[in-house]
Amino acid sequence: MRVAFIGDIVGRPGRRIIKENLSKIKEQYEIDFVIANAENASHGFGLTMTNSSELFKAGIDVITGGNHSFDKKKDMMALLENADVLRPDNYPEGLVGSGVKVFEVSSKDDIEKLAVVNLMGQFAMPTVENPFNWAKKVISKLHDEGVKNIFIDFHGEATSEKRVMLMMFKNQVSAICGTHTHVGTDDLQIFENTAYLTDIGLTGCRDNVIGMDAKIPVQKATTGIGGHFEVPNNCKSILQMMVVDMSDGKASNAFKLKKYCNKSQHFITEAFVE
């Protein structure tokens, strides 16, 4: 099966570039299933029911989250109970929802089970259970249930935490991709049957500061006085996607797509793993 991952979707520009391009990309690259981190999809902070519906209609199959998952608390509570929306599984126990879900994915070759796992790191993040010890239990349980294809969205600030996740679970999961920093890394690889990318990078505005209008970030950097971050309505945008071919728990091929939109110009670049 061919699985695609998008993240972090930031505000209206991120949703717009997905609506305008995802169906064509899915057809062109024969993608069977789409995962997307959308914790910043609504005005840059959180996710509403309206915007989640918009993303599902555009062709996304499951939505993951992170430290902003509960920014739109009322909507998120309902989404976690009734929709294919995940939040980091290692949030403290007692919260509504889950960070693990198993899907049956149809491809041209077969129907296979795919587990999507959403975890969050510890450095500079809200209080969570240890993600590495938590992942041990989750992955062991999935293997016991006969689920081999496992995709992990690891939402974290520290690149070292993400690399540790790879070293611990290489050859046990099909893919690990990082989110949260909004800055894409250039280390896509297949390491002992596991596709890995430290951070996918944002989907949204790319001509400012991590998808937000530059005024307040510059003000905070130069004076120490912050303010409310705003997502621009008009900008040069980007859609970033990791694509992985997997079967029987192993990644056999992986590549990254970047779709650029410069208002009147549209073009795609591809980066492949040998």
C-alpha atoms as a PDB file:
ATOM      1  CA  MET A   1       0.000   0.000   0.000  1.00  0.00           C
ATOM      2  CA  ARG A   2       1.062   3.593  -0.573  1.00  0.00           C
ATOM      3  CA  VAL A   3       0.571   5.903   2.411  1.00  0.00           C
ATOM      4  CA  ALA A   4       1.014   9.683   2.389  1.00  0.00           C
ATOM      5  CA  PHE A   5       1.596  12.007   5.334  1.00  0.00           C
ATOM      6  CA  ILE A   6       1.036  15.790   5.440  1.00  0.00           C
ATOM      7  CA  GLY A   7       1.809  18.210   8.243  1.00  0.00           C
ATOM      8  CA  ASP A   8       1.620  20.674   9.971  1.00  0.00           C
ATOM      9  CA  ILE A   9      -1.404  22.227   8.231  1.00  0.00           C
ATOM     10  CA  VAL A  10      -1.451  25.908   9.221  1.00  0.00           C
ATOM     11  CA  GLY A  11      -4.659  27.910   8.852  1.00  0.00           C
ATOM     12  CA  ARG A  12      -6.631  28.759   5.737  1.00  0.00           C
ATOM     13  CA  PRO A  13      -3.646  28.808   3.328  1.00  0.00           C
ATOM     14  CA  GLY A  14      -2.782  25.245   4.378  1.00  0.00           C
ATOM     15  CA  ARG A  15      -6.355  24.060   3.968  1.00  0.00           C
ATOM     16  CA  ARG A  16      -6.652  25.849   0.625  1.00  0.00           C
ATOM     17  CA  ILE A  17      -3.567  24.299  -0.986  1.00  0.00           C
ATOM     18  CA  ILE A  18      -4.780  20.870   0.137  1.00  0.00           C
ATOM     19  CA  LYS A  19      -8.272  21.392  -1.279  1.00  0.00           C
ATOM     20  CA  GLU A  20      -6.862  22.589  -4.583  1.00  0.00           C
ATOM     21  CA  ASN A  21      -4.220  19.874  -5.036  1.00  0.00           C
ATOM     22  CA  LEU A  22      -4.676  16.758  -2.914  1.00  0.00           C
ATOM     23  CA  SER A  23      -7.100  14.862  -5.141  1.00  0.00           C
ATOM     24  CA  LYS A  24      -4.842  15.374  -8.180  1.00  0.00           C
ATOM     25  CA  ILE A  25      -1.737  14.324  -6.246  1.00  0.00           C
ATOM     26  CA  LYS A  26      -3.499  11.200  -4.943  1.00  0.00           C
ATOM     27  CA  GLU A  27      -4.451  10.215  -8.472  1.00  0.00           C
ATOM     28  CA  GLN A  28      -1.069  11.037 -10.008  1.00  0.00           C
ATOM     29  CA  TYR A  29       0.957   9.149  -7.397  1.00  0.00           C
ATOM     30  CA  GLU A  30      -1.591   6.372  -6.771  1.00  0.00           C
ATOM     31  CA  ILE A  31      -1.874   7.071  -3.041  1.00  0.00           C
ATOM     32  CA  ASP A  32      -4.118   4.707  -1.076  1.00  0.00           C
ATOM     33  CA  PHE A  33      -4.337   6.453   2.312  1.00  0.00           C
ATOM     34  CA  VAL A  34      -3.622   9.980   3.612  1.00  0.00           C
ATOM     35  CA  ILE A  35      -2.664  10.957   7.161  1.00  0.00           C
ATOM     36  CA  ALA A  36      -2.398  14.641   8.119  1.00  0.00           C
ATOM     37  CA  ASN A  37      -1.386  16.532  11.228  1.00  0.00           C
ATOM     38  CA  ALA A  38      -3.935  19.325  11.528  1.00  0.00           C
ATOM     39  CA  GLU A  39      -3.506  20.713  15.041  1.00  0.00           C
ATOM     40  CA  ASN A  40      -2.875  24.178  13.524  1.00  0.00           C
ATOM     41  CA  ALA A  41      -5.504  24.015  10.776  1.00  0.00           C
ATOM     42  CA  SER A  42      -8.003  26.431  12.356  1.00  0.00           C
ATOM     43  CA  HIS A  43      -6.589  29.976  12.477  1.00  0.00           C
ATOM     44  CA  GLY A  44      -3.203  28.468  13.352  1.00  0.00           C
ATOM     45  CA  PHE A  45      -4.290  27.054  16.699  1.00  0.00           C
ATOM     46  CA  GLY A  46      -6.374  23.895  17.104  1.00  0.00           C
ATOM     47  CA  LEU A  47      -9.005  22.301  14.884  1.00  0.00           C
ATOM     48  CA  THR A  48     -12.730  22.996  14.516  1.00  0.00           C
ATOM     49  CA  MET A  49     -15.433  20.602  13.376  1.00  0.00           C
ATOM     50  CA  THR A  50     -16.023  22.729  10.273  1.00  0.00           C
ATOM     51  CA  ASN A  51     -12.368  22.693   9.237  1.00  0.00           C
ATOM     52  CA  SER A  52     -11.957  18.972   9.950  1.00  0.00           C
ATOM     53  CA  SER A  53     -14.917  18.266   7.674  1.00  0.00           C
ATOM     54  CA  GLU A  54     -13.293  20.434   5.004  1.00  0.00           C
ATOM     55  CA  LEU A  55     -10.067  18.394   5.218  1.00  0.00           C
ATOM     56  CA  PHE A  56     -11.834  15.026   5.146  1.00  0.00           C
ATOM     57  CA  LYS A  57     -13.779  16.091   2.054  1.00  0.00           C
ATOM     58  CA  ALA A  58     -10.497  17.114   0.407  1.00  0.00           C
ATOM     59  CA  GLY A  59      -9.247  13.523   0.678  1.00  0.00           C
ATOM     60  CA  ILE A  60      -7.585  13.144   4.092  1.00  0.00           C
ATOM     61  CA  ASP A  61      -8.400   9.843   5.824  1.00  0.00           C
ATOM     62  CA  VAL A  62      -7.215  10.461   9.392  1.00  0.00           C
ATOM     63  CA  ILE A  63      -6.081  13.548  11.316  1.00  0.00           C
ATOM     64  CA  THR A  64      -3.367  13.598  13.988  1.00  0.00           C
ATOM     65  CA  GLY A  65      -2.535  16.282  16.543  1.00  0.00           C
ATOM     66  CA  GLY A  66      -0.057  17.579  19.083  1.00  0.00           C
ATOM     67  CA  ASN A  67       0.339  20.256  21.739  1.00  0.00           C
ATOM     68  CA  HIS A  68      -2.399  22.405  20.130  1.00  0.00           C
ATOM     69  CA  SER A  69      -4.911  19.551  19.881  1.00  0.00           C
ATOM     70  CA  PHE A  70      -7.125  20.972  22.628  1.00  0.00           C
ATOM     71  CA  ASP A  71      -6.944  24.675  21.708  1.00  0.00           C
ATOM     72  CA  LYS A  72     -10.503  24.420  20.314  1.00  0.00           C
ATOM     73  CA  LYS A  73     -11.546  22.255  23.247  1.00  0.00           C
ATOM     74  CA  LYS A  74     -15.298  21.934  22.665  1.00  0.00           C
ATOM     75  CA  ASP A  75     -14.957  20.965  19.013  1.00  0.00           C
ATOM     76  CA  MET A  76     -11.998  18.694  19.675  1.00  0.00           C
ATOM     77  CA  MET A  77     -13.829  16.726  22.351  1.00  0.00           C
ATOM     78  CA  ALA A  78     -16.587  15.934  19.857  1.00  0.00           C
ATOM     79  CA  LEU A  79     -14.116  15.127  17.075  1.00  0.00           C
ATOM     80  CA  LEU A  80     -12.140  12.712  19.240  1.00  0.00           C
ATOM     81  CA  GLU A  81     -15.323  10.839  20.105  1.00  0.00           C
ATOM     82  CA  ASN A  82     -16.969  10.764  16.686  1.00  0.00           C
ATOM     83  CA  ALA A  83     -14.414  11.230  13.891  1.00  0.00           C
ATOM     84  CA  ASP A  84     -11.134   9.807  12.610  1.00  0.00           C
ATOM     85  CA  VAL A  85      -9.201  12.365  14.640  1.00  0.00           C
ATOM     86  CA  LEU A  86      -6.349  11.403  16.964  1.00  0.00           C
ATOM     87  CA  ARG A  87      -4.448  13.234  19.684  1.00  0.00           C
ATOM     88  CA  PRO A  88      -1.072  12.198  21.132  1.00  0.00           C
ATOM     89  CA  ASP A  89      -1.686   8.859  22.811  1.00  0.00           C
ATOM     90  CA  ASN A  90       0.722   9.609  25.657  1.00  0.00           C
ATOM     91  CA  TYR A  91      -1.265  12.563  27.003  1.00  0.00           C
ATOM     92  CA  PRO A  92      -2.074  11.858  30.680  1.00  0.00           C
ATOM     93  CA  GLU A  93      -4.697   9.154  31.169  1.00  0.00           C
ATOM     94  CA  GLY A  94      -8.315  10.241  31.575  1.00  0.00           C
ATOM     95  CA  LEU A  95      -8.504  12.494  28.510  1.00  0.00           C
ATOM     96  CA  VAL A  96     -11.083  11.766  25.847  1.00  0.00           C
ATOM     97  CA  GLY A  97      -9.863  10.178  22.646  1.00  0.00           C
ATOM     98  CA  SER A  98      -6.884   8.109  21.593  1.00  0.00           C
ATOM     99  CA  GLY A  99      -3.676   8.306  19.626  1.00  0.00           C
ATOM    100  CA  VAL A 100      -3.928   4.866  18.040  1.00  0.00           C
ATOM    101  CA  LYS A 101      -6.307   3.638  15.363  1.00  0.00           C
ATOM    102  CA  VAL A 102      -6.207   0.677  12.976  1.00  0.00           C
ATOM    103  CA  PHE A 103      -7.594   0.990   9.449  1.00  0.00           C
ATOM    104  CA  GLU A 104      -8.161  -1.457   6.619  1.00  0.00           C
ATOM    105  CA  VAL A 105      -6.579   0.041   3.505  1.00  0.00           C
ATOM    106  CA  SER A 106      -7.388  -1.148   0.005  1.00  0.00           C
ATOM    107  CA  SER A 107      -4.655  -0.958  -2.587  1.00  0.00           C
ATOM    108  CA  LYS A 108      -4.262  -2.350  -6.089  1.00  0.00           C
ATOM    109  CA  ASP A 109      -2.454  -5.344  -4.596  1.00  0.00           C
ATOM    110  CA  ASP A 110      -4.457  -6.239  -1.496  1.00  0.00           C
ATOM    111  CA  ILE A 111      -6.301  -5.088   1.614  1.00  0.00           C
ATOM    112  CA  GLU A 112      -3.934  -4.572   4.541  1.00  0.00           C
ATOM    113  CA  LYS A 113      -4.262  -3.258   8.075  1.00  0.00           C
ATOM    114  CA  LEU A 114      -2.547   0.026   8.912  1.00  0.00           C
ATOM    115  CA  ALA A 115      -2.102   1.377  12.431  1.00  0.00           C
ATOM    116  CA  VAL A 116      -1.678   5.140  12.794  1.00  0.00           C
ATOM    117  CA  VAL A 117       0.035   6.116  16.055  1.00  0.00           C
ATOM    118  CA  ASN A 118       0.244   9.718  17.334  1.00  0.00           C
ATOM    119  CA  LEU A 119       2.810  10.469  20.063  1.00  0.00           C
ATOM    120  CA  MET A 120       4.287  13.648  21.551  1.00  0.00           C
ATOM    121  CA  GLY A 121       7.803  14.362  22.804  1.00  0.00           C
ATOM    122  CA  GLN A 122       8.771  15.713  26.222  1.00  0.00           C
ATOM    123  CA  PHE A 123      11.227  18.543  25.579  1.00  0.00           C
ATOM    124  CA  ALA A 124       9.506  21.983  25.665  1.00  0.00           C
ATOM    125  CA  MET A 125       6.067  20.353  25.373  1.00  0.00           C
ATOM    126  CA  PRO A 126       3.041  19.928  27.684  1.00  0.00           C
ATOM    127  CA  THR A 127       3.052  17.219  30.342  1.00  0.00           C
ATOM    128  CA  VAL A 128       2.908  13.768  28.767  1.00  0.00           C
ATOM    129  CA  GLU A 129       3.882  10.229  29.650  1.00  0.00           C
ATOM    130  CA  ASN A 130       7.333   9.104  28.484  1.00  0.00           C
ATOM    131  CA  PRO A 131       6.781   8.630  24.717  1.00  0.00           C
ATOM    132  CA  PHE A 132       9.440   5.934  24.312  1.00  0.00           C
ATOM    133  CA  ASN A 133       8.159   3.675  27.084  1.00  0.00           C
ATOM    134  CA  TRP A 134       4.611   4.365  25.918  1.00  0.00           C
ATOM    135  CA  ALA A 135       5.489   3.422  22.349  1.00  0.00           C
ATOM    136  CA  LYS A 136       6.939   0.092  23.527  1.00  0.00           C
ATOM    137  CA  LYS A 137       3.562  -0.897  24.961  1.00  0.00           C
ATOM    138  CA  VAL A 138       1.568   0.369  21.972  1.00  0.00           C
ATOM    139  CA  ILE A 139       3.739  -1.336  19.355  1.00  0.00           C
ATOM    140  CA  SER A 140       3.880  -4.602  21.306  1.00  0.00           C
ATOM    141  CA  LYS A 141       0.068  -4.635  21.566  1.00  0.00           C
ATOM    142  CA  LEU A 142      -0.332  -3.966  17.831  1.00  0.00           C
ATOM    143  CA  HIS A 143       2.078  -6.763  16.967  1.00  0.00           C
ATOM    144  CA  ASP A 144       0.177  -9.110  19.283  1.00  0.00           C
ATOM    145  CA  GLU A 145      -2.995  -8.199  17.365  1.00  0.00           C
ATOM    146  CA  GLY A 146      -1.314  -9.071  14.078  1.00  0.00           C
ATOM    147  CA  VAL A 147      -0.943  -5.464  12.854  1.00  0.00           C
ATOM    148  CA  LYS A 148       2.376  -5.095  11.047  1.00  0.00           C
ATOM    149  CA  ASN A 149       2.051  -1.827   9.089  1.00  0.00           C
ATOM    150  CA  ILE A 150       2.516   0.962  11.637  1.00  0.00           C
ATOM    151  CA  PHE A 151       2.926   4.694  10.900  1.00  0.00           C
ATOM    152  CA  ILE A 152       4.050   6.978  13.761  1.00  0.00           C
ATOM    153  CA  ASP A 153       3.503  10.750  13.780  1.00  0.00           C
ATOM    154  CA  PHE A 154       5.929  11.882  16.493  1.00  0.00           C
ATOM    155  CA  HIS A 155       5.111  15.465  17.458  1.00  0.00           C
ATOM    156  CA  GLY A 156       8.189  16.933  19.091  1.00  0.00           C
ATOM    157  CA  GLU A 157      10.507  19.912  19.430  1.00  0.00           C
ATOM    158  CA  ALA A 158      13.801  18.031  19.775  1.00  0.00           C
ATOM    159  CA  THR A 159      15.283  16.342  16.726  1.00  0.00           C
ATOM    160  CA  SER A 160      17.219  14.017  19.029  1.00  0.00           C
ATOM    161  CA  GLU A 161      13.993  12.616  20.505  1.00  0.00           C
ATOM    162  CA  LYS A 162      12.761  11.753  17.034  1.00  0.00           C
ATOM    163  CA  ARG A 163      16.031  10.057  16.164  1.00  0.00           C
ATOM    164  CA  VAL A 164      15.858   8.051  19.395  1.00  0.00           C
ATOM    165  CA  MET A 165      12.403   6.843  18.326  1.00  0.00           C
ATOM    166  CA  LEU A 166      13.931   5.538  15.095  1.00  0.00           C
ATOM    167  CA  MET A 167      16.792   3.780  16.877  1.00  0.00           C
ATOM    168  CA  MET A 168      14.359   2.085  19.245  1.00  0.00           C
ATOM    169  CA  PHE A 169      11.738   0.975  16.735  1.00  0.00           C
ATOM    170  CA  LYS A 170      13.558   0.465  13.425  1.00  0.00           C
ATOM    171  CA  ASN A 171      12.412  -2.753  11.806  1.00  0.00           C
ATOM    172  CA  GLN A 172       9.401  -2.807  14.158  1.00  0.00           C
ATOM    173  CA  VAL A 173       7.319  -0.096  12.494  1.00  0.00           C
ATOM    174  CA  SER A 174       6.910   0.883   8.845  1.00  0.00           C
ATOM    175  CA  ALA A 175       7.419   4.638   9.131  1.00  0.00           C
ATOM    176  CA  ILE A 176       8.202   7.420  11.603  1.00  0.00           C
ATOM    177  CA  CYS A 177       7.713  11.059  10.652  1.00  0.00           C
ATOM    178  CA  GLY A 178       8.167  14.083  12.898  1.00  0.00           C
ATOM    179  CA  THR A 179       5.944  17.131  13.171  1.00  0.00           C
ATOM    180  CA  HIS A 180       5.745  20.353  15.249  1.00  0.00           C
ATOM    181  CA  THR A 181       8.677  22.570  14.206  1.00  0.00           C
ATOM    182  CA  HIS A 182       7.045  23.533  10.859  1.00  0.00           C
ATOM    183  CA  VAL A 183      10.530  23.354   9.289  1.00  0.00           C
ATOM    184  CA  GLY A 184      11.188  20.444   6.946  1.00  0.00           C
ATOM    185  CA  THR A 185      14.381  18.416   7.351  1.00  0.00           C
ATOM    186  CA  ASP A 186      16.496  16.865   4.616  1.00  0.00           C
ATOM    187  CA  ASP A 187      17.076  13.399   6.080  1.00  0.00           C
ATOM    188  CA  LEU A 188      14.438  11.174   4.480  1.00  0.00           C
ATOM    189  CA  GLN A 189      15.691   7.604   4.549  1.00  0.00           C
ATOM    190  CA  ILE A 190      14.745   3.951   4.893  1.00  0.00           C
ATOM    191  CA  PHE A 191      16.627   2.609   7.886  1.00  0.00           C
ATOM    192  CA  GLU A 192      16.367  -1.140   8.438  1.00  0.00           C
ATOM    193  CA  ASN A 193      12.924  -1.365   6.780  1.00  0.00           C
ATOM    194  CA  THR A 194      11.583   1.775   8.504  1.00  0.00           C
ATOM    195  CA  ALA A 195      10.978   4.983   6.527  1.00  0.00           C
ATOM    196  CA  TYR A 196      12.089   7.994   8.566  1.00  0.00           C
ATOM    197  CA  LEU A 197      11.965  11.788   8.333  1.00  0.00           C
ATOM    198  CA  THR A 198      12.807  14.019  11.312  1.00  0.00           C
ATOM    199  CA  ASP A 199      10.236  16.668  10.374  1.00  0.00           C
ATOM    200  CA  ILE A 200       7.876  16.917   7.409  1.00  0.00           C
ATOM    201  CA  GLY A 201       7.569  20.720   7.632  1.00  0.00           C
ATOM    202  CA  LEU A 202       4.462  22.886   7.411  1.00  0.00           C
ATOM    203  CA  THR A 203       1.731  23.017   4.802  1.00  0.00           C
ATOM    204  CA  GLY A 204       0.643  26.631   4.521  1.00  0.00           C
ATOM    205  CA  CYS A 205       2.382  30.007   4.140  1.00  0.00           C
ATOM    206  CA  ARG A 206       6.108  29.786   3.481  1.00  0.00           C
ATOM    207  CA  ASP A 207       7.066  33.470   3.117  1.00  0.00           C
ATOM    208  CA  ASN A 208       6.869  34.460   6.802  1.00  0.00           C
ATOM    209  CA  VAL A 209       7.627  32.782  10.182  1.00  0.00           C
ATOM    210  CA  ILE A 210       6.484  29.139  10.505  1.00  0.00           C
ATOM    211  CA  GLY A 211       3.252  29.905   8.659  1.00  0.00           C
ATOM    212  CA  MET A 212       2.395  33.034  10.680  1.00  0.00           C
ATOM    213  CA  ASP A 213       2.557  36.716   9.769  1.00  0.00           C
ATOM    214  CA  ALA A 214       6.082  37.924  10.614  1.00  0.00           C
ATOM    215  CA  LYS A 215       5.129  41.090  12.546  1.00  0.00           C
ATOM    216  CA  ILE A 216       4.550  39.585  16.007  1.00  0.00           C
ATOM    217  CA  PRO A 217       7.409  37.036  15.865  1.00  0.00           C
ATOM    218  CA  VAL A 218       9.823  39.841  14.887  1.00  0.00           C
ATOM    219  CA  GLN A 219       8.417  42.078  17.644  1.00  0.00           C
ATOM    220  CA  LYS A 220       8.866  39.334  20.234  1.00  0.00           C
ATOM    221  CA  ALA A 221      12.383  38.526  19.044  1.00  0.00           C
ATOM    222  CA  THR A 222      13.525  42.153  19.205  1.00  0.00           C
ATOM    223  CA  THR A 223      11.625  43.486  22.248  1.00  0.00           C
ATOM    224  CA  GLY A 224      10.532  40.437  24.249  1.00  0.00           C
ATOM    225  CA  ILE A 225       6.913  41.576  23.953  1.00  0.00           C
ATOM    226  CA  GLY A 226       4.661  39.079  22.222  1.00  0.00           C
ATOM    227  CA  GLY A 227       1.139  39.200  20.878  1.00  0.00           C
ATOM    228  CA  HIS A 228      -1.410  37.145  18.987  1.00  0.00           C
ATOM    229  CA  PHE A 229       0.034  35.268  16.032  1.00  0.00           C
ATOM    230  CA  GLU A 230      -2.000  35.690  12.846  1.00  0.00           C
ATOM    231  CA  VAL A 231      -2.092  33.491   9.751  1.00  0.00           C
ATOM    232  CA  PRO A 232      -1.973  35.594   6.539  1.00  0.00           C
ATOM    233  CA  ASN A 233      -4.833  35.112   4.091  1.00  0.00           C
ATOM    234  CA  ASN A 234      -2.638  35.659   1.040  1.00  0.00           C
ATOM    235  CA  CYS A 235       0.876  34.308   0.750  1.00  0.00           C
ATOM    236  CA  LYS A 236       3.229  32.021  -1.139  1.00  0.00           C
ATOM    237  CA  SER A 237       2.226  28.581   0.058  1.00  0.00           C
ATOM    238  CA  ILE A 238       3.608  25.062   0.158  1.00  0.00           C
ATOM    239  CA  LEU A 239       2.196  21.556   0.577  1.00  0.00           C
ATOM    240  CA  GLN A 240       4.725  19.061   1.974  1.00  0.00           C
ATOM    241  CA  MET A 241       4.060  15.328   1.821  1.00  0.00           C
ATOM    242  CA  MET A 242       5.962  12.172   2.710  1.00  0.00           C
ATOM    243  CA  VAL A 243       4.950   9.117   0.657  1.00  0.00           C
ATOM    244  CA  VAL A 244       5.809   5.577   1.756  1.00  0.00           C
ATOM    245  CA  ASP A 245       5.266   2.226   0.071  1.00  0.00           C
ATOM    246  CA  MET A 246       4.807  -0.411   2.754  1.00  0.00           C
ATOM    247  CA  SER A 247       3.747  -4.022   3.020  1.00  0.00           C
ATOM    248  CA  ASP A 248       4.058  -6.713   5.675  1.00  0.00           C
ATOM    249  CA  GLY A 249       5.342  -4.066   8.080  1.00  0.00           C
ATOM    250  CA  LYS A 250       8.274  -2.985   5.925  1.00  0.00           C
ATOM    251  CA  ALA A 251       8.889   0.208   3.957  1.00  0.00           C
ATOM    252  CA  SER A 252      10.200  -0.560   0.480  1.00  0.00           C
ATOM    253  CA  ASN A 253      10.248   2.942  -0.993  1.00  0.00           C
ATOM    254  CA  ALA A 254       9.815   6.528   0.210  1.00  0.00           C
ATOM    255  CA  PHE A 255       9.849   9.995  -1.277  1.00  0.00           C
ATOM    256  CA  LYS A 256       8.885  13.539  -0.381  1.00  0.00           C
ATOM    257  CA  LEU A 257       6.745  15.880  -2.470  1.00  0.00           C
ATOM    258  CA  LYS A 258       6.716  19.660  -2.211  1.00  0.00           C
ATOM    259  CA  LYS A 259       3.921  21.489  -4.020  1.00  0.00           C
ATOM    260  CA  TYR A 260       4.658  25.212  -4.333  1.00  0.00           C
ATOM    261  CA  CYS A 261       2.031  27.828  -5.149  1.00  0.00           C
ATOM    262  CA  ASN A 262       3.206  31.333  -5.996  1.00  0.00           C
ATOM    263  CA  LYS A 263      -0.263  32.725  -6.763  1.00  0.00           C
ATOM    264  CA  SER A 264      -0.023  32.281 -10.540  1.00  0.00           C
ATOM    265  CA  GLN A 265       2.765  29.657 -10.538  1.00  0.00           C
ATOM    266  CA  HIS A 266       2.331  26.031  -9.471  1.00  0.00           C
ATOM    267  CA  PHE A 267       5.034  23.366  -9.513  1.00  0.00           C
ATOM    268  CA  ILE A 268       6.031  20.139  -7.724  1.00  0.00           C
ATOM    269  CA  THR A 269       9.490  18.951  -6.687  1.00  0.00           C
ATOM    270  CA  GLU A 270      10.270  15.375  -5.689  1.00  0.00           C
ATOM    271  CA  ALA A 271      13.004  13.930  -3.445  1.00  0.00           C
ATOM    272  CA  PHE A 272      13.501  10.186  -3.602  1.00  0.00           C
ATOM    273  CA  VAL A 273      15.231   7.644  -1.397  1.00  0.00           C
ATOM    274  CA  GLU A 274      17.416   5.147  -3.228  1.00  0.00           C
END
